[in-house]
Amino acid sequence: MQTSPLFLFITAIVAGAVVPFQAGANAVLGRTLGHPLWGTVVSLCVSFACILPIMVLARVEAPAISNLAQAPRWIWIGGIVGVVYITGALILAPKLGAAGFVTAAIAGQMLASIIIDQWGLVGLPQQPVSSPRLVGLGMIFLGLIVMQGPSLWRAAQTVAAASGQN
Protein backbone atom coordinates (compact mmCIF):
# COMPACT_ATOMS: atom_id res chain seq x y z
CA MET A 1 0.00 0.00 0.00
CA GLN A 2 1.54 3.29 -1.16
CA THR A 3 1.19 6.32 1.12
CA SER A 4 0.40 9.60 -0.60
CA PRO A 5 3.12 12.26 -0.30
CA LEU A 6 0.35 14.79 0.38
CA PHE A 7 -0.84 12.69 3.33
CA LEU A 8 2.73 12.52 4.64
CA PHE A 9 3.15 16.31 4.39
CA ILE A 10 -0.19 16.96 6.09
CA THR A 11 0.72 14.53 8.87
CA ALA A 12 4.07 16.29 9.33
CA ILE A 13 2.31 19.68 9.48
CA VAL A 14 -0.07 18.37 12.15
CA ALA A 15 2.87 16.91 14.10
CA GLY A 16 4.59 20.28 13.91
CA ALA A 17 1.42 22.11 14.90
CA VAL A 18 1.42 20.48 18.33
CA VAL A 19 4.92 21.74 19.19
CA PRO A 20 3.84 25.21 20.37
CA PHE A 21 1.36 23.57 22.73
CA GLN A 22 4.14 21.37 24.11
CA ALA A 23 6.43 24.37 24.58
CA GLY A 24 3.82 26.38 26.45
CA ALA A 25 2.59 23.51 28.62
CA ASN A 26 6.12 22.42 29.49
CA ALA A 27 7.11 25.99 30.38
CA VAL A 28 4.27 26.19 32.90
CA LEU A 29 5.15 22.70 34.14
CA GLY A 30 8.76 23.76 34.73
CA ARG A 31 7.69 26.91 36.60
CA THR A 32 5.19 24.91 38.66
CA LEU A 33 7.88 22.41 39.63
CA GLY A 34 10.39 25.16 40.41
CA HIS A 35 12.98 24.44 37.72
CA PRO A 36 12.94 23.83 33.94
CA LEU A 37 14.89 20.60 34.28
CA TRP A 38 12.19 19.12 36.51
CA GLY A 39 9.72 20.08 33.81
CA THR A 40 11.85 18.20 31.29
CA VAL A 41 12.00 15.10 33.50
CA VAL A 42 8.25 15.04 34.12
CA SER A 43 7.47 15.71 30.45
CA LEU A 44 9.65 12.79 29.36
CA CYS A 45 8.09 10.54 32.02
CA VAL A 46 4.61 11.45 30.73
CA SER A 47 5.80 10.63 27.19
CA PHE A 48 7.03 7.26 28.40
CA ALA A 49 3.77 6.56 30.24
CA CYS A 50 1.78 7.45 27.10
CA ILE A 51 3.75 5.31 24.67
CA LEU A 52 3.75 2.12 26.76
CA PRO A 53 -0.02 1.40 26.46
CA ILE A 54 0.14 2.17 22.73
CA MET A 55 2.94 -0.35 22.34
CA VAL A 56 0.96 -2.95 24.31
CA LEU A 57 -2.18 -2.37 22.22
CA ALA A 58 -0.14 -2.52 19.00
CA ARG A 59 1.56 -5.71 20.27
CA VAL A 60 5.01 -4.36 19.56
CA GLU A 61 7.57 -7.07 20.16
CA ALA A 62 10.38 -6.53 22.64
CA PRO A 63 13.54 -5.27 20.95
CA ALA A 64 16.65 -7.36 20.45
CA ILE A 65 18.90 -5.48 22.85
CA SER A 66 21.90 -7.38 21.47
CA ASN A 67 21.51 -5.40 18.21
CA LEU A 68 22.65 -2.27 20.04
CA ALA A 69 26.21 -3.60 20.19
CA GLN A 70 26.46 -3.36 16.39
CA ALA A 71 24.69 -0.01 16.09
CA PRO A 72 26.63 3.22 15.52
CA ARG A 73 27.36 5.08 18.76
CA TRP A 74 25.68 8.28 17.52
CA ILE A 75 22.21 6.69 17.83
CA TRP A 76 22.12 7.86 21.46
CA ILE A 77 22.01 11.53 20.49
CA GLY A 78 18.25 11.26 19.93
CA GLY A 79 17.61 11.19 23.67
CA ILE A 80 20.12 13.96 24.31
CA VAL A 81 18.58 16.13 21.60
CA GLY A 82 15.13 15.55 23.10
CA VAL A 83 16.33 16.86 26.45
CA VAL A 84 18.00 19.88 24.81
CA TYR A 85 14.89 20.71 22.80
CA ILE A 86 12.39 20.27 25.63
CA THR A 87 14.54 22.21 28.10
CA GLY A 88 15.17 24.93 25.51
CA ALA A 89 11.45 25.23 24.87
CA LEU A 90 10.77 25.38 28.62
CA ILE A 91 13.19 28.26 29.07
CA LEU A 92 12.81 30.13 25.77
CA ALA A 93 9.11 29.91 24.85
CA PRO A 94 8.01 32.11 27.79
CA LYS A 95 10.60 34.72 26.79
CA LEU A 96 10.15 34.60 23.01
CA GLY A 97 6.49 33.58 22.80
CA ALA A 98 5.24 30.54 20.93
CA ALA A 99 5.76 32.06 17.47
CA GLY A 100 9.19 33.44 18.32
CA PHE A 101 10.45 30.17 19.76
CA VAL A 102 8.99 27.97 17.03
CA THR A 103 10.16 30.24 14.20
CA ALA A 104 13.71 30.27 15.56
CA ALA A 105 13.60 26.52 16.22
CA ILE A 106 12.40 25.83 12.67
CA ALA A 107 15.16 28.03 11.23
CA GLY A 108 17.71 26.04 13.23
CA GLN A 109 16.12 22.75 12.23
CA MET A 110 16.20 23.66 8.55
CA LEU A 111 19.83 24.79 8.68
CA ALA A 112 20.83 21.53 10.37
CA SER A 113 18.63 19.54 7.96
CA ILE A 114 20.41 20.93 4.92
CA ILE A 115 23.76 20.00 6.48
CA ILE A 116 22.49 16.51 7.35
CA ASP A 117 21.12 15.98 3.83
CA GLN A 118 24.25 17.29 2.13
CA TRP A 119 26.44 14.62 3.70
CA GLY A 120 23.83 11.94 4.44
CA LEU A 121 24.45 12.13 8.19
CA VAL A 122 22.66 10.15 10.93
CA GLY A 123 21.68 7.38 8.54
CA LEU A 124 19.59 9.54 6.20
CA PRO A 125 20.01 9.48 2.42
CA GLN A 126 22.31 12.06 0.89
CA GLN A 127 20.53 14.91 -0.88
CA PRO A 128 22.93 17.55 -2.16
CA VAL A 129 22.39 21.23 -1.45
CA SER A 130 20.68 22.91 -4.37
CA SER A 131 19.78 26.47 -5.24
CA PRO A 132 16.06 25.93 -4.48
CA ARG A 133 16.94 24.50 -1.05
CA LEU A 134 19.21 27.45 -0.26
CA VAL A 135 16.53 29.91 -1.41
CA GLY A 136 13.99 28.12 0.79
CA LEU A 137 16.39 28.26 3.75
CA GLY A 138 16.96 31.96 3.12
CA MET A 139 13.20 32.52 3.05
CA ILE A 140 12.83 30.76 6.39
CA PHE A 141 15.49 33.01 7.93
CA LEU A 142 13.86 36.02 6.29
CA GLY A 143 10.57 34.92 7.86
CA LEU A 144 12.31 34.76 11.24
CA ILE A 145 13.59 38.31 10.77
CA VAL A 146 10.20 39.59 9.61
CA MET A 147 8.32 37.92 12.47
CA GLN A 148 10.82 38.68 15.21
CA GLY A 149 12.64 41.71 13.82
CA PRO A 150 10.88 44.32 15.96
CA SER A 151 11.56 42.44 19.21
CA LEU A 152 15.15 41.71 18.14
CA TRP A 153 15.62 45.40 17.34
CA ARG A 154 14.23 46.45 20.75
CA ALA A 155 16.47 43.93 22.50
CA ALA A 156 19.53 45.21 20.64
CA GLN A 157 18.66 48.80 21.58
CA THR A 158 18.24 47.80 25.24
CA VAL A 159 21.65 46.09 25.24
CA ALA A 160 23.27 49.07 23.52
CA ALA A 161 21.69 51.51 26.00
CA ALA A 162 22.75 49.37 28.97
CA SER A 163 26.33 49.06 27.72
CA GLY A 164 26.48 52.84 27.17
CA GLN A 165 25.51 53.45 30.79
CA ASN A 166 28.32 51.34 32.22
C-alpha atoms as a PDB file:
ATOM      1  CA  MET A   1       0.000   0.000   0.000  1.00  0.00           C
ATOM      2  CA  GLN A   2       1.540   3.288  -1.164  1.00  0.00           C
ATOM      3  CA  THR A   3       1.188   6.323   1.125  1.00  0.00           C
ATOM      4  CA  SER A   4       0.398   9.598  -0.599  1.00  0.00           C
ATOM      5  CA  PRO A   5       3.123  12.256  -0.305  1.00  0.00           C
ATOM      6  CA  LEU A   6       0.346  14.793   0.377  1.00  0.00           C
ATOM      7  CA  PHE A   7      -0.840  12.694   3.329  1.00  0.00           C
ATOM      8  CA  LEU A   8       2.726  12.520   4.639  1.00  0.00           C
ATOM      9  CA  PHE A   9       3.153  16.307   4.394  1.00  0.00           C
ATOM     10  CA  ILE A  10      -0.195  16.959   6.087  1.00  0.00           C
ATOM     11  CA  THR A  11       0.720  14.529   8.867  1.00  0.00           C
ATOM     12  CA  ALA A  12       4.074  16.293   9.329  1.00  0.00           C
ATOM     13  CA  ILE A  13       2.311  19.676   9.478  1.00  0.00           C
ATOM     14  CA  VAL A  14      -0.070  18.367  12.146  1.00  0.00           C
ATOM     15  CA  ALA A  15       2.865  16.911  14.103  1.00  0.00           C
ATOM     16  CA  GLY A  16       4.591  20.283  13.906  1.00  0.00           C
ATOM     17  CA  ALA A  17       1.423  22.114  14.895  1.00  0.00           C
ATOM     18  CA  VAL A  18       1.417  20.481  18.327  1.00  0.00           C
ATOM     19  CA  VAL A  19       4.920  21.737  19.194  1.00  0.00           C
ATOM     20  CA  PRO A  20       3.842  25.214  20.370  1.00  0.00           C
ATOM     21  CA  PHE A  21       1.357  23.568  22.733  1.00  0.00           C
ATOM     22  CA  GLN A  22       4.143  21.375  24.108  1.00  0.00           C
ATOM     23  CA  ALA A  23       6.433  24.370  24.580  1.00  0.00           C
ATOM     24  CA  GLY A  24       3.824  26.376  26.454  1.00  0.00           C
ATOM     25  CA  ALA A  25       2.587  23.510  28.619  1.00  0.00           C
ATOM     26  CA  ASN A  26       6.121  22.421  29.491  1.00  0.00           C
ATOM     27  CA  ALA A  27       7.108  25.990  30.379  1.00  0.00           C
ATOM     28  CA  VAL A  28       4.268  26.193  32.899  1.00  0.00           C
ATOM     29  CA  LEU A  29       5.146  22.698  34.137  1.00  0.00           C
ATOM     30  CA  GLY A  30       8.763  23.757  34.732  1.00  0.00           C
ATOM     31  CA  ARG A  31       7.693  26.905  36.599  1.00  0.00           C
ATOM     32  CA  THR A  32       5.188  24.914  38.656  1.00  0.00           C
ATOM     33  CA  LEU A  33       7.877  22.414  39.634  1.00  0.00           C
ATOM     34  CA  GLY A  34      10.389  25.156  40.415  1.00  0.00           C
ATOM     35  CA  HIS A  35      12.980  24.436  37.722  1.00  0.00           C
ATOM     36  CA  PRO A  36      12.939  23.834  33.939  1.00  0.00           C
ATOM     37  CA  LEU A  37      14.895  20.599  34.285  1.00  0.00           C
ATOM     38  CA  TRP A  38      12.186  19.121  36.510  1.00  0.00           C
ATOM     39  CA  GLY A  39       9.717  20.080  33.811  1.00  0.00           C
ATOM     40  CA  THR A  40      11.847  18.197  31.295  1.00  0.00           C
ATOM     41  CA  VAL A  41      11.998  15.095  33.505  1.00  0.00           C
ATOM     42  CA  VAL A  42       8.246  15.041  34.123  1.00  0.00           C
ATOM     43  CA  SER A  43       7.469  15.706  30.446  1.00  0.00           C
ATOM     44  CA  LEU A  44       9.654  12.791  29.361  1.00  0.00           C
ATOM     45  CA  CYS A  45       8.086  10.537  32.016  1.00  0.00           C
ATOM     46  CA  VAL A  46       4.611  11.447  30.730  1.00  0.00           C
ATOM     47  CA  SER A  47       5.797  10.635  27.191  1.00  0.00           C
ATOM     48  CA  PHE A  48       7.035   7.256  28.402  1.00  0.00           C
ATOM     49  CA  ALA A  49       3.765   6.563  30.244  1.00  0.00           C
ATOM     50  CA  CYS A  50       1.779   7.449  27.097  1.00  0.00           C
ATOM     51  CA  ILE A  51       3.754   5.314  24.666  1.00  0.00           C
ATOM     52  CA  LEU A  52       3.748   2.123  26.758  1.00  0.00           C
ATOM     53  CA  PRO A  53      -0.017   1.404  26.460  1.00  0.00           C
ATOM     54  CA  ILE A  54       0.142   2.169  22.733  1.00  0.00           C
ATOM     55  CA  MET A  55       2.942  -0.349  22.342  1.00  0.00           C
ATOM     56  CA  VAL A  56       0.963  -2.953  24.309  1.00  0.00           C
ATOM     57  CA  LEU A  57      -2.178  -2.365  22.216  1.00  0.00           C
ATOM     58  CA  ALA A  58      -0.143  -2.523  18.998  1.00  0.00           C
ATOM     59  CA  ARG A  59       1.557  -5.709  20.266  1.00  0.00           C
ATOM     60  CA  VAL A  60       5.009  -4.359  19.564  1.00  0.00           C
ATOM     61  CA  GLU A  61       7.574  -7.072  20.159  1.00  0.00           C
ATOM     62  CA  ALA A  62      10.383  -6.529  22.638  1.00  0.00           C
ATOM     63  CA  PRO A  63      13.541  -5.268  20.946  1.00  0.00           C
ATOM     64  CA  ALA A  64      16.648  -7.361  20.454  1.00  0.00           C
ATOM     65  CA  ILE A  65      18.897  -5.476  22.849  1.00  0.00           C
ATOM     66  CA  SER A  66      21.896  -7.384  21.468  1.00  0.00           C
ATOM     67  CA  ASN A  67      21.510  -5.400  18.209  1.00  0.00           C
ATOM     68  CA  LEU A  68      22.649  -2.269  20.038  1.00  0.00           C
ATOM     69  CA  ALA A  69      26.207  -3.603  20.186  1.00  0.00           C
ATOM     70  CA  GLN A  70      26.459  -3.365  16.385  1.00  0.00           C
ATOM     71  CA  ALA A  71      24.692  -0.008  16.089  1.00  0.00           C
ATOM     72  CA  PRO A  72      26.628   3.224  15.520  1.00  0.00           C
ATOM     73  CA  ARG A  73      27.364   5.078  18.756  1.00  0.00           C
ATOM     74  CA  TRP A  74      25.683   8.276  17.523  1.00  0.00           C
ATOM     75  CA  ILE A  75      22.208   6.694  17.829  1.00  0.00           C
ATOM     76  CA  TRP A  76      22.121   7.856  21.460  1.00  0.00           C
ATOM     77  CA  ILE A  77      22.009  11.528  20.488  1.00  0.00           C
ATOM     78  CA  GLY A  78      18.254  11.261  19.934  1.00  0.00           C
ATOM     79  CA  GLY A  79      17.606  11.195  23.675  1.00  0.00           C
ATOM     80  CA  ILE A  80      20.117  13.956  24.306  1.00  0.00           C
ATOM     81  CA  VAL A  81      18.578  16.126  21.598  1.00  0.00           C
ATOM     82  CA  GLY A  82      15.132  15.548  23.098  1.00  0.00           C
ATOM     83  CA  VAL A  83      16.330  16.864  26.452  1.00  0.00           C
ATOM     84  CA  VAL A  84      18.002  19.880  24.812  1.00  0.00           C
ATOM     85  CA  TYR A  85      14.891  20.707  22.800  1.00  0.00           C
ATOM     86  CA  ILE A  86      12.389  20.266  25.633  1.00  0.00           C
ATOM     87  CA  THR A  87      14.543  22.210  28.104  1.00  0.00           C
ATOM     88  CA  GLY A  88      15.175  24.928  25.512  1.00  0.00           C
ATOM     89  CA  ALA A  89      11.447  25.229  24.872  1.00  0.00           C
ATOM     90  CA  LEU A  90      10.766  25.377  28.618  1.00  0.00           C
ATOM     91  CA  ILE A  91      13.188  28.258  29.068  1.00  0.00           C
ATOM     92  CA  LEU A  92      12.815  30.134  25.774  1.00  0.00           C
ATOM     93  CA  ALA A  93       9.111  29.909  24.853  1.00  0.00           C
ATOM     94  CA  PRO A  94       8.009  32.107  27.793  1.00  0.00           C
ATOM     95  CA  LYS A  95      10.596  34.717  26.788  1.00  0.00           C
ATOM     96  CA  LEU A  96      10.147  34.598  23.008  1.00  0.00           C
ATOM     97  CA  GLY A  97       6.490  33.576  22.800  1.00  0.00           C
ATOM     98  CA  ALA A  98       5.238  30.537  20.929  1.00  0.00           C
ATOM     99  CA  ALA A  99       5.756  32.061  17.467  1.00  0.00           C
ATOM    100  CA  GLY A 100       9.189  33.439  18.323  1.00  0.00           C
ATOM    101  CA  PHE A 101      10.449  30.168  19.756  1.00  0.00           C
ATOM    102  CA  VAL A 102       8.989  27.969  17.027  1.00  0.00           C
ATOM    103  CA  THR A 103      10.158  30.245  14.200  1.00  0.00           C
ATOM    104  CA  ALA A 104      13.710  30.271  15.557  1.00  0.00           C
ATOM    105  CA  ALA A 105      13.596  26.519  16.216  1.00  0.00           C
ATOM    106  CA  ILE A 106      12.400  25.828  12.668  1.00  0.00           C
ATOM    107  CA  ALA A 107      15.161  28.031  11.233  1.00  0.00           C
ATOM    108  CA  GLY A 108      17.713  26.042  13.226  1.00  0.00           C
ATOM    109  CA  GLN A 109      16.123  22.752  12.226  1.00  0.00           C
ATOM    110  CA  MET A 110      16.204  23.657   8.552  1.00  0.00           C
ATOM    111  CA  LEU A 111      19.827  24.788   8.679  1.00  0.00           C
ATOM    112  CA  ALA A 112      20.828  21.529  10.372  1.00  0.00           C
ATOM    113  CA  SER A 113      18.632  19.535   7.961  1.00  0.00           C
ATOM    114  CA  ILE A 114      20.409  20.929   4.921  1.00  0.00           C
ATOM    115  CA  ILE A 115      23.755  20.005   6.478  1.00  0.00           C
ATOM    116  CA  ILE A 116      22.489  16.507   7.348  1.00  0.00           C
ATOM    117  CA  ASP A 117      21.120  15.980   3.832  1.00  0.00           C
ATOM    118  CA  GLN A 118      24.251  17.291   2.131  1.00  0.00           C
ATOM    119  CA  TRP A 119      26.445  14.621   3.699  1.00  0.00           C
ATOM    120  CA  GLY A 120      23.834  11.938   4.443  1.00  0.00           C
ATOM    121  CA  LEU A 121      24.455  12.133   8.186  1.00  0.00           C
ATOM    122  CA  VAL A 122      22.657  10.154  10.928  1.00  0.00           C
ATOM    123  CA  GLY A 123      21.678   7.383   8.537  1.00  0.00           C
ATOM    124  CA  LEU A 124      19.589   9.540   6.202  1.00  0.00           C
ATOM    125  CA  PRO A 125      20.006   9.476   2.422  1.00  0.00           C
ATOM    126  CA  GLN A 126      22.306  12.058   0.889  1.00  0.00           C
ATOM    127  CA  GLN A 127      20.525  14.912  -0.879  1.00  0.00           C
ATOM    128  CA  PRO A 128      22.927  17.551  -2.158  1.00  0.00           C
ATOM    129  CA  VAL A 129      22.387  21.230  -1.451  1.00  0.00           C
ATOM    130  CA  SER A 130      20.682  22.914  -4.371  1.00  0.00           C
ATOM    131  CA  SER A 131      19.777  26.474  -5.241  1.00  0.00           C
ATOM    132  CA  PRO A 132      16.057  25.930  -4.480  1.00  0.00           C
ATOM    133  CA  ARG A 133      16.936  24.499  -1.052  1.00  0.00           C
ATOM    134  CA  LEU A 134      19.213  27.450  -0.259  1.00  0.00           C
ATOM    135  CA  VAL A 135      16.534  29.911  -1.410  1.00  0.00           C
ATOM    136  CA  GLY A 136      13.987  28.120   0.795  1.00  0.00           C
ATOM    137  CA  LEU A 137      16.386  28.256   3.747  1.00  0.00           C
ATOM    138  CA  GLY A 138      16.963  31.956   3.124  1.00  0.00           C
ATOM    139  CA  MET A 139      13.204  32.520   3.047  1.00  0.00           C
ATOM    140  CA  ILE A 140      12.833  30.758   6.394  1.00  0.00           C
ATOM    141  CA  PHE A 141      15.491  33.006   7.931  1.00  0.00           C
ATOM    142  CA  LEU A 142      13.864  36.020   6.287  1.00  0.00           C
ATOM    143  CA  GLY A 143      10.570  34.919   7.856  1.00  0.00           C
ATOM    144  CA  LEU A 144      12.306  34.756  11.237  1.00  0.00           C
ATOM    145  CA  ILE A 145      13.592  38.305  10.775  1.00  0.00           C
ATOM    146  CA  VAL A 146      10.195  39.593   9.610  1.00  0.00           C
ATOM    147  CA  MET A 147       8.322  37.917  12.469  1.00  0.00           C
ATOM    148  CA  GLN A 148      10.822  38.681  15.213  1.00  0.00           C
ATOM    149  CA  GLY A 149      12.637  41.713  13.816  1.00  0.00           C
ATOM    150  CA  PRO A 150      10.875  44.318  15.965  1.00  0.00           C
ATOM    151  CA  SER A 151      11.558  42.436  19.206  1.00  0.00           C
ATOM    152  CA  LEU A 152      15.150  41.714  18.140  1.00  0.00           C
ATOM    153  CA  TRP A 153      15.624  45.403  17.345  1.00  0.00           C
ATOM    154  CA  ARG A 154      14.226  46.455  20.751  1.00  0.00           C
ATOM    155  CA  ALA A 155      16.473  43.934  22.503  1.00  0.00           C
ATOM    156  CA  ALA A 156      19.530  45.211  20.639  1.00  0.00           C
ATOM    157  CA  GLN A 157      18.655  48.802  21.576  1.00  0.00           C
ATOM    158  CA  THR A 158      18.245  47.797  25.236  1.00  0.00           C
ATOM    159  CA  VAL A 159      21.645  46.088  25.236  1.00  0.00           C
ATOM    160  CA  ALA A 160      23.268  49.071  23.519  1.00  0.00           C
ATOM    161  CA  ALA A 161      21.692  51.506  25.995  1.00  0.00           C
ATOM    162  CA  ALA A 162      22.752  49.371  28.969  1.00  0.00           C
ATOM    163  CA  SER A 163      26.325  49.065  27.718  1.00  0.00           C
ATOM    164  CA  GLY A 164      26.479  52.840  27.169  1.00  0.00           C
ATOM    165  CA  GLN A 165      25.514  53.455  30.794  1.00  0.00           C
ATOM    166  CA  ASN A 166      28.323  51.336  32.217  1.00  0.00           C
END
